[in-house]
Amino acid sequence: MRKAILILSLLLLALLPAALAEAGQASPLIMVGLWSNQTSIVLSSADGFSLADAETSGILGSYKAKEKVTVTFSSSGIAVNGQPVTARKLVAVLPPKAGAAIEVNRRQYRGSVSIHRTAGKNGLTVVNTLPLEEYLYGIIAREISPAWPAEAVKAQAVAARTYALHSLGKHRSDGYDVCATTDCQVYGGKTAEDARATKAVDETRGLVVTHKGKPIPAYFHGSGGGFTENSENVWGGHHPALRGVADFDQNSSHFRWEKQLTQKELEAALESAGIRIGSLQSIEISPLTKPPVKAFDRGVSGRIKELRFVGSSGSTVVSGAKLRTILGLNSTLFDIKVTLPAEKSVQFEITDSYGDRDLKTVPINVKPLPGKADKPNIRSISGRANETIVFTGYGWGHGIGLSQWGAKAMAEKAPAGDTAYFREILKHYYTGVEISKLY
């Protein structure tokens, strides 16, 4: 059964859009890896269910509504409620009832659920197989607020559908198409569904973003910080649809951010990532300017492609993406300055007319002192007491493709009653594309 489903998924990806058009307008199936390397799984259903051997289709057991069934892994194989079974893969089969769902570890999922041994490890992998449209029901509210304008939510639905189709088979070696985390798309099953998100999926059924007839890798992110980025400047691969464009996310709660570190804190973070260059002396990076940016070490939006750290025992070049991970930064769209904190008050001694002496404290308002004057691409670190390295940045996420906060801003300005404006949003953030109906 797994092989049949996998082959179907791969064929759908290879033959889109022609195969889908000839398939009776059916939504393709997608296999979602819910968990891997688990020692035990608890199953249940409000409608009752059966467990079958995926290879022989033989029924291993049938269970009443709300009855809990525990599937465990041991060195000898798989056991159901403590009893070993010969099956190498189990499938939970629901009754043919509209809205039926299987509960796995207290979360409900549409479609079927299978359990098999995690490849190369001592644990179990749980896979949810269901129609793509129903898969999207469990994604949209996890990726964007369904309370936002409908056209923004619909744009997200089309982007998510496109990304899912492009990702079929991504985790083929693990026995499924896509995972349920941010590495693919955040999927919460039926438990995560929201009526407004479901409506956005239904109203855009089968619509995908295409370039020259093929679904694109429709990446999306929270906030672009005023300008999105060319794909090759973040992950190294050029795609004509993933070009940097102006973003309208100025009202985003993540539009501007700041993080401050001492020299010791930055050195410790770098060292924990295996970057050992001694005492940090300077950082080399071009200053951030307005887009489009043409600096060799920044992308078109100004996102950092790479920067150099110079220390007392050597130097190293670090990619912007790696530094973002090391320091937990919101994005790679940032600049760096070195400052000393301002003195908030000054004390001095005064003598009154009687000859008495007193120490007075007077508050002052002084801006932080800049670091040593350098060339534009050098940020020197002197090691002075209280010296602060300030990262001032913009946006949230990788910055490629659809900006969710930008989509919200565009939707808020859409013409009244325009129920197709999501197409304009998608065509703004994805360059040279068409919105095509594949099924």
Protein backbone atom coordinates (compact mmCIF):
# COMPACT_ATOMS: atom_id res chain seq x y z
CA MET A 1 0.00 0.00 0.00
CA ARG A 2 2.82 2.41 0.89
CA LYS A 3 4.52 1.76 -2.43
CA ALA A 4 1.29 2.41 -4.32
CA ILE A 5 0.70 5.70 -2.53
CA LEU A 6 4.31 6.79 -2.97
CA ILE A 7 4.25 5.98 -6.69
CA LEU A 8 1.00 7.94 -7.07
CA SER A 9 2.52 10.95 -5.32
CA LEU A 10 5.63 10.89 -7.48
CA LEU A 11 3.63 10.52 -10.68
CA LEU A 12 1.44 13.46 -9.73
CA LEU A 13 4.51 15.61 -9.18
CA ALA A 14 6.14 14.54 -12.44
CA LEU A 15 3.06 14.85 -14.65
CA LEU A 16 1.50 18.05 -13.28
CA PRO A 17 -0.57 19.71 -14.58
CA ALA A 18 -1.70 17.27 -17.33
CA ALA A 19 -2.21 14.23 -15.12
CA LEU A 20 -4.32 16.15 -12.62
CA ALA A 21 -6.53 17.57 -15.32
CA GLU A 22 -7.24 14.02 -16.54
CA ALA A 23 -7.78 12.60 -13.04
CA GLY A 24 -11.37 13.75 -12.67
CA GLN A 25 -10.54 16.88 -10.71
CA ALA A 26 -9.37 14.76 -7.76
CA SER A 27 -7.17 16.19 -5.05
CA PRO A 28 -3.86 14.26 -4.98
CA LEU A 29 -2.86 12.35 -1.88
CA ILE A 30 -0.02 13.50 0.33
CA MET A 31 1.84 11.56 3.01
CA VAL A 32 2.76 13.62 6.09
CA GLY A 33 5.33 12.41 8.61
CA LEU A 34 3.86 13.30 12.01
CA TRP A 35 6.54 11.82 14.28
CA SER A 36 9.68 9.75 13.95
CA ASN A 37 11.64 7.47 16.29
CA GLN A 38 8.84 7.15 18.84
CA THR A 39 8.83 4.35 21.42
CA SER A 40 5.02 4.33 21.74
CA ILE A 41 1.95 5.76 20.03
CA VAL A 42 -1.59 6.02 21.42
CA LEU A 43 -4.48 5.75 18.94
CA SER A 44 -8.20 6.36 19.36
CA SER A 45 -11.25 7.55 17.43
CA ALA A 46 -14.69 8.87 18.28
CA ASP A 47 -16.03 6.68 15.45
CA GLY A 48 -14.06 3.50 16.19
CA PHE A 49 -11.35 2.10 13.90
CA SER A 50 -9.46 -0.99 12.83
CA LEU A 51 -5.76 -1.80 12.60
CA ALA A 52 -4.61 -3.66 9.51
CA ASP A 53 -1.37 -5.14 8.20
CA ALA A 54 -0.36 -2.72 5.42
CA GLU A 55 1.26 -5.47 3.35
CA THR A 56 -1.44 -8.17 3.55
CA SER A 57 -4.50 -5.97 4.33
CA GLY A 58 -5.34 -8.43 7.07
CA ILE A 59 -7.27 -6.93 10.01
CA LEU A 60 -5.29 -7.17 13.24
CA GLY A 61 -8.01 -5.78 15.48
CA SER A 62 -11.13 -3.62 15.59
CA TYR A 63 -11.74 -1.11 18.35
CA LYS A 64 -14.77 0.67 19.76
CA ALA A 65 -15.38 4.41 19.79
CA LYS A 66 -12.96 6.22 22.12
CA GLU A 67 -11.12 3.00 22.99
CA LYS A 68 -7.41 3.70 23.38
CA VAL A 69 -4.88 1.48 21.64
CA THR A 70 -1.15 1.62 22.36
CA VAL A 71 1.38 0.68 19.69
CA THR A 72 4.91 0.16 21.00
CA PHE A 73 8.33 -0.63 19.57
CA SER A 74 10.84 -3.10 20.94
CA SER A 75 13.86 -4.95 19.63
CA SER A 76 11.57 -7.84 18.68
CA GLY A 77 9.26 -5.67 16.57
CA ILE A 78 5.90 -3.93 16.93
CA ALA A 79 3.33 -4.69 19.64
CA VAL A 80 -0.32 -3.63 19.93
CA ASN A 81 -1.58 -3.26 23.50
CA GLY A 82 1.44 -5.29 24.62
CA GLN A 83 0.87 -8.16 22.16
CA PRO A 84 3.54 -8.64 19.45
CA VAL A 85 2.33 -8.61 15.83
CA THR A 86 4.09 -9.93 12.75
CA ALA A 87 3.18 -6.89 10.64
CA ARG A 88 6.06 -4.57 9.74
CA LYS A 89 3.67 -1.71 9.06
CA LEU A 90 0.24 -0.97 10.53
CA VAL A 91 -2.58 1.10 9.05
CA ALA A 92 -5.42 2.59 11.10
CA VAL A 93 -8.61 2.38 9.03
CA LEU A 94 -11.57 4.63 9.78
CA PRO A 95 -15.21 3.84 8.93
CA PRO A 96 -16.55 5.51 5.74
CA LYS A 97 -18.12 8.43 7.54
CA ALA A 98 -17.88 12.12 6.64
CA GLY A 99 -15.63 14.00 9.06
CA ALA A 100 -14.25 10.83 10.66
CA ALA A 101 -10.84 11.34 12.28
CA ILE A 102 -8.19 9.21 13.94
CA GLU A 103 -6.70 10.50 17.18
CA VAL A 104 -2.94 10.12 17.53
CA ASN A 105 -1.33 11.22 20.79
CA ARG A 106 -4.40 13.37 21.55
CA ARG A 107 -4.48 15.09 18.15
CA GLN A 108 -7.09 14.35 15.51
CA TYR A 109 -6.23 13.68 11.86
CA ARG A 110 -8.32 13.15 8.74
CA GLY A 111 -7.51 10.35 6.31
CA SER A 112 -5.55 7.27 7.39
CA VAL A 113 -2.59 6.84 9.73
CA SER A 114 0.17 4.29 9.28
CA ILE A 115 2.94 3.25 11.65
CA HIS A 116 6.25 1.69 10.63
CA ARG A 117 9.74 1.29 12.00
CA THR A 118 11.90 4.41 11.63
CA ALA A 119 14.61 3.70 9.06
CA GLY A 120 17.93 2.96 10.72
CA LYS A 121 16.66 3.69 14.23
CA ASN A 122 14.96 1.93 17.13
CA GLY A 123 11.59 3.64 17.04
CA LEU A 124 8.34 4.18 15.18
CA THR A 125 7.38 6.64 12.44
CA VAL A 126 3.77 7.83 12.14
CA VAL A 127 2.47 8.90 8.72
CA ASN A 128 -0.84 10.60 7.94
CA THR A 129 -2.07 10.01 4.35
CA LEU A 130 -4.91 12.22 3.14
CA PRO A 131 -6.11 14.38 0.21
CA LEU A 132 -3.99 17.49 -0.29
CA GLU A 133 -6.93 19.85 0.24
CA GLU A 134 -7.67 18.31 3.64
CA TYR A 135 -3.98 18.53 4.50
CA LEU A 136 -4.17 22.27 3.83
CA TYR A 137 -7.06 22.59 6.31
CA GLY A 138 -4.59 21.65 9.04
CA ILE A 139 -1.88 24.06 7.88
CA ILE A 140 -3.29 27.51 7.14
CA ALA A 141 -4.21 28.57 10.69
CA ARG A 142 -0.73 27.47 11.83
CA GLU A 143 1.01 29.61 9.20
CA ILE A 144 -1.10 32.79 9.12
CA SER A 145 -3.81 34.33 11.30
CA PRO A 146 -7.22 33.31 9.87
CA ALA A 147 -8.59 36.55 11.38
CA TRP A 148 -6.63 38.58 8.82
CA PRO A 149 -8.34 39.85 5.63
CA ALA A 150 -9.69 36.97 3.55
CA GLU A 151 -7.61 37.81 0.47
CA ALA A 152 -4.38 37.48 2.48
CA VAL A 153 -5.49 34.12 3.89
CA LYS A 154 -6.43 32.94 0.38
CA ALA A 155 -3.01 34.00 -0.91
CA GLN A 156 -1.45 31.92 1.87
CA ALA A 157 -3.65 28.95 0.94
CA VAL A 158 -2.50 29.05 -2.70
CA ALA A 159 1.15 29.44 -1.66
CA ALA A 160 0.87 26.52 0.79
CA ARG A 161 -0.79 24.29 -1.82
CA THR A 162 1.89 25.16 -4.37
CA TYR A 163 4.71 24.53 -1.92
CA ALA A 164 3.18 21.18 -0.92
CA LEU A 165 2.90 20.00 -4.53
CA HIS A 166 6.47 21.08 -5.22
CA SER A 167 7.61 19.20 -2.09
CA LEU A 168 6.02 15.81 -2.82
CA GLY A 169 8.66 13.17 -2.15
CA LYS A 170 10.94 15.50 -0.17
CA HIS A 171 11.22 12.93 2.65
CA ARG A 172 10.86 9.86 0.41
CA SER A 173 13.69 8.02 2.20
CA ASP A 174 11.76 8.35 5.47
CA GLY A 175 8.60 6.85 3.98
CA TYR A 176 6.56 10.01 3.47
CA ASP A 177 6.37 13.17 1.36
CA VAL A 178 6.58 16.06 3.83
CA CYS A 179 7.13 16.53 7.55
CA ALA A 180 4.83 18.38 9.93
CA THR A 181 7.33 21.03 11.09
CA THR A 182 8.79 24.29 9.81
CA ASP A 183 11.23 22.28 7.69
CA CYS A 184 8.22 21.73 5.40
CA GLN A 185 5.01 23.37 6.63
CA VAL A 186 3.59 23.40 10.15
CA TYR A 187 0.75 20.84 10.16
CA GLY A 188 -1.59 20.30 13.08
CA GLY A 189 -4.21 17.99 11.59
CA LYS A 190 -7.94 18.39 12.21
CA THR A 191 -7.21 19.72 15.71
CA ALA A 192 -5.61 22.83 14.16
CA GLU A 193 -8.40 23.60 11.69
CA ASP A 194 -10.24 26.93 11.64
CA ALA A 195 -13.43 27.58 9.67
CA ARG A 196 -12.02 30.78 8.13
CA ALA A 197 -8.87 28.99 6.98
CA THR A 198 -10.92 26.09 5.61
CA LYS A 199 -13.02 28.55 3.62
CA ALA A 200 -9.86 30.08 2.10
CA VAL A 201 -8.72 26.62 1.02
CA ASP A 202 -12.11 25.71 -0.46
CA GLU A 203 -12.43 29.01 -2.35
CA THR A 204 -9.01 28.48 -3.98
CA ARG A 205 -9.33 24.72 -4.54
CA GLY A 206 -6.76 23.41 -7.01
CA LEU A 207 -5.15 26.81 -7.64
CA VAL A 208 -1.35 26.94 -7.65
CA VAL A 209 1.38 29.42 -8.55
CA THR A 210 3.17 28.32 -11.73
CA HIS A 211 6.11 29.51 -13.78
CA LYS A 212 6.22 28.17 -17.36
CA GLY A 213 3.50 25.70 -16.44
CA LYS A 214 5.19 24.18 -13.39
CA PRO A 215 4.44 24.73 -9.67
CA ILE A 216 7.13 26.88 -8.10
CA PRO A 217 8.82 26.43 -4.70
CA ALA A 218 6.41 28.95 -3.19
CA TYR A 219 8.36 29.97 -0.10
CA PHE A 220 6.76 32.35 2.35
CA HIS A 221 7.85 34.14 5.52
CA GLY A 222 6.49 36.43 8.21
CA SER A 223 7.89 39.86 7.35
CA GLY A 224 10.33 41.02 4.67
CA GLY A 225 11.54 44.15 6.44
CA GLY A 226 10.66 46.43 3.54
CA PHE A 227 12.11 44.32 0.71
CA THR A 228 12.18 40.59 -0.06
CA GLU A 229 15.23 38.73 -1.35
CA ASN A 230 16.47 36.86 -4.42
CA SER A 231 16.54 33.13 -3.69
CA GLU A 232 20.20 32.64 -4.63
CA ASN A 233 21.29 35.13 -1.97
CA VAL A 234 19.82 33.01 0.82
CA TRP A 235 19.98 29.35 -0.21
CA GLY A 236 22.20 29.47 -3.26
CA GLY A 237 19.67 28.39 -5.91
CA HIS A 238 18.38 30.83 -8.51
CA HIS A 239 14.68 30.71 -9.37
CA PRO A 240 13.16 33.29 -11.76
CA ALA A 241 9.96 33.55 -9.70
CA LEU A 242 11.76 34.22 -6.43
CA ARG A 243 13.04 37.77 -6.96
CA GLY A 244 13.36 40.53 -4.39
CA VAL A 245 10.49 43.04 -4.47
CA ALA A 246 9.22 45.88 -2.30
CA ASP A 247 7.41 44.70 0.82
CA PHE A 248 4.57 46.49 2.58
CA ASP A 249 5.14 45.13 6.06
CA GLN A 250 5.95 48.41 7.82
CA ASN A 251 3.11 47.79 10.31
CA SER A 252 4.44 44.39 11.23
CA SER A 253 5.31 43.85 14.88
CA HIS A 254 8.61 42.41 13.59
CA PHE A 255 9.43 45.16 11.09
CA ARG A 256 12.32 46.53 13.18
CA TRP A 257 14.24 44.70 15.88
CA GLU A 258 17.43 45.03 17.89
CA LYS A 259 19.75 42.73 19.78
CA GLN A 260 22.67 43.82 21.96
CA LEU A 261 25.63 41.66 22.99
CA THR A 262 28.84 42.27 24.87
CA GLN A 263 32.13 41.21 23.34
CA LYS A 264 32.31 38.22 25.69
CA GLU A 265 28.76 37.14 24.85
CA LEU A 266 29.43 37.28 21.12
CA GLU A 267 32.74 35.42 21.50
CA ALA A 268 31.01 32.72 23.56
CA ALA A 269 28.23 32.30 20.97
CA LEU A 270 30.75 31.97 18.15
CA GLU A 271 32.88 29.52 20.11
CA SER A 272 29.85 27.34 20.90
CA ALA A 273 29.33 27.09 17.14
CA GLY A 274 32.91 25.95 16.63
CA ILE A 275 34.29 29.35 15.58
CA ARG A 276 37.46 29.90 17.61
CA ILE A 277 39.40 33.02 16.62
CA GLY A 278 40.55 34.30 20.03
CA SER A 279 39.62 37.72 21.34
CA LEU A 280 37.28 39.44 18.88
CA GLN A 281 38.85 42.53 17.33
CA SER A 282 36.58 43.55 14.46
CA ILE A 283 33.64 42.64 12.23
CA GLU A 284 33.79 43.28 8.49
CA ILE A 285 30.48 43.93 6.71
CA SER A 286 29.25 46.55 4.26
CA PRO A 287 26.93 49.17 5.77
CA LEU A 288 23.23 48.60 5.21
CA THR A 289 21.74 50.93 2.57
CA LYS A 290 18.35 51.30 0.90
CA PRO A 291 17.39 48.56 -1.58
CA PRO A 292 18.14 47.53 -4.19
CA VAL A 293 21.57 46.90 -2.64
CA LYS A 294 24.59 46.08 -4.82
CA ALA A 295 27.23 45.29 -2.17
CA PHE A 296 29.09 42.01 -2.77
CA ASP A 297 28.37 40.72 0.74
CA ARG A 298 24.66 41.61 0.80
CA GLY A 299 21.66 40.55 -1.25
CA VAL A 300 19.38 42.88 -3.19
CA SER A 301 17.31 43.58 -0.06
CA GLY A 302 20.41 44.17 2.07
CA ARG A 303 20.31 40.74 3.69
CA ILE A 304 23.76 39.59 4.66
CA LYS A 305 25.24 36.86 2.48
CA GLU A 306 28.45 36.68 4.49
CA LEU A 307 30.56 38.65 6.97
CA ARG A 308 34.02 38.28 8.46
CA PHE A 309 34.99 38.05 12.12
CA VAL A 310 38.59 38.98 12.93
CA GLY A 311 40.14 37.84 16.20
CA SER A 312 43.51 37.79 17.93
CA SER A 313 44.25 34.27 16.62
CA GLY A 314 42.69 34.35 13.17
CA SER A 315 39.65 35.28 11.14
CA THR A 316 36.71 33.49 9.58
CA VAL A 317 33.88 34.18 7.13
CA VAL A 318 30.38 33.25 8.32
CA SER A 319 27.23 33.19 6.21
CA GLY A 320 24.36 35.43 7.24
CA ALA A 321 22.09 32.39 7.56
CA LYS A 322 24.52 30.63 9.91
CA LEU A 323 25.01 33.72 12.07
CA ARG A 324 21.24 34.14 12.30
CA THR A 325 21.03 30.63 13.73
CA ILE A 326 23.99 31.10 16.08
CA LEU A 327 22.64 34.32 17.59
CA GLY A 328 18.91 33.64 17.25
CA LEU A 329 18.31 36.71 15.08
CA ASN A 330 14.94 37.41 13.47
CA SER A 331 16.43 37.73 9.98
CA THR A 332 19.67 38.34 8.10
CA LEU A 333 18.61 41.89 7.20
CA PHE A 334 20.62 43.84 9.76
CA ASP A 335 23.50 46.21 10.39
CA ILE A 336 26.06 46.24 13.20
CA LYS A 337 27.51 49.05 15.28
CA VAL A 338 29.74 49.13 18.35
CA THR A 339 28.81 51.63 21.09
CA LEU A 340 29.45 52.57 24.69
CA PRO A 341 26.34 53.07 26.83
CA ALA A 342 25.55 56.69 27.71
CA GLU A 343 26.18 57.93 31.23
CA LYS A 344 22.76 58.62 32.73
CA SER A 345 24.03 61.01 35.42
CA VAL A 346 27.11 62.88 36.61
CA GLN A 347 28.22 63.60 40.19
CA PHE A 348 30.16 66.65 41.38
CA GLU A 349 30.96 68.34 44.69
CA ILE A 350 29.62 71.81 45.56
CA THR A 351 30.28 74.18 48.48
CA ASP A 352 27.42 76.36 49.72
CA SER A 353 27.68 79.91 51.12
CA TYR A 354 28.28 78.54 54.65
CA GLY A 355 31.24 76.46 53.52
CA ASP A 356 29.42 73.13 53.71
CA ARG A 357 30.29 70.59 51.05
CA ASP A 358 27.78 68.31 49.36
CA LEU A 359 27.83 65.69 46.56
CA LYS A 360 25.22 66.38 43.88
CA THR A 361 23.96 63.95 41.21
CA VAL A 362 22.63 65.57 38.02
CA PRO A 363 20.91 63.52 35.27
CA ILE A 364 22.21 64.08 31.77
CA ASN A 365 20.99 63.10 28.34
CA VAL A 366 23.84 61.87 26.19
CA LYS A 367 23.55 59.60 23.17
CA PRO A 368 25.58 56.37 23.14
CA LEU A 369 29.17 56.90 22.08
CA PRO A 370 30.10 55.40 18.71
CA GLY A 371 32.96 52.98 18.38
CA LYS A 372 36.32 53.81 16.94
CA ALA A 373 36.19 55.61 13.59
CA ASP A 374 36.72 52.97 10.90
CA LYS A 375 36.37 52.35 7.23
CA PRO A 376 32.69 51.88 6.26
CA ASN A 377 33.00 48.08 6.24
CA ILE A 378 34.95 47.74 9.53
CA ARG A 379 33.41 47.58 13.01
CA SER A 380 36.35 47.68 15.44
CA ILE A 381 36.02 46.18 18.91
CA SER A 382 38.42 47.68 21.44
CA GLY A 383 37.47 45.67 24.51
CA ARG A 384 36.54 48.79 26.49
CA ALA A 385 34.40 48.24 29.57
CA ASN A 386 30.66 48.29 28.82
CA GLU A 387 31.25 48.20 25.06
CA THR A 388 28.13 46.93 23.29
CA ILE A 389 27.75 45.29 19.88
CA VAL A 390 24.34 46.28 18.55
CA PHE A 391 22.52 44.33 15.82
CA THR A 392 19.75 46.48 14.33
CA GLY A 393 17.59 44.57 11.86
CA TYR A 394 14.35 44.34 9.93
CA GLY A 395 11.83 41.64 9.15
CA TRP A 396 11.19 38.10 10.35
CA GLY A 397 12.21 34.98 8.43
CA HIS A 398 14.29 34.13 5.38
CA GLY A 399 12.77 36.88 3.24
CA ILE A 400 12.03 34.80 0.11
CA GLY A 401 8.67 34.84 -1.65
CA LEU A 402 5.37 35.79 -0.02
CA SER A 403 5.56 38.14 2.95
CA GLN A 404 2.60 37.39 5.19
CA TRP A 405 2.51 40.83 6.80
CA GLY A 406 2.91 42.38 3.36
CA ALA A 407 0.02 40.28 2.07
CA LYS A 408 -2.09 41.52 4.96
CA ALA A 409 -1.28 45.15 4.11
CA MET A 410 -2.13 44.63 0.44
CA ALA A 411 -5.40 42.85 1.31
CA GLU A 412 -6.42 45.71 3.59
CA LYS A 413 -6.20 48.06 0.60
CA ALA A 414 -7.94 45.76 -1.87
CA PRO A 415 -10.95 47.13 -3.76
CA ALA A 416 -14.20 46.51 -1.88
CA GLY A 417 -15.85 43.28 -2.94
CA ASP A 418 -12.84 42.02 -4.95
CA THR A 419 -12.72 38.30 -4.14
CA ALA A 420 -9.87 37.60 -6.55
CA TYR A 421 -7.38 40.10 -5.17
CA PHE A 422 -5.30 37.27 -3.72
CA ARG A 423 -4.05 36.77 -7.29
CA GLU A 424 -2.58 40.29 -7.30
CA ILE A 425 -0.87 39.63 -3.98
CA LEU A 426 0.70 36.43 -5.29
CA LYS A 427 1.80 38.02 -8.56
CA HIS A 428 3.49 40.82 -6.62
CA TYR A 429 5.56 38.57 -4.39
CA TYR A 430 6.28 35.89 -7.03
CA THR A 431 7.75 37.32 -10.23
CA GLY A 432 6.48 36.41 -13.71
CA VAL A 433 4.01 33.76 -12.52
CA GLU A 434 0.51 32.61 -13.37
CA ILE A 435 -2.21 31.37 -11.05
CA SER A 436 -3.26 28.06 -12.61
CA LYS A 437 -6.02 25.61 -11.74
CA LEU A 438 -4.55 22.12 -11.73
CA TYR A 439 -7.61 20.23 -10.51
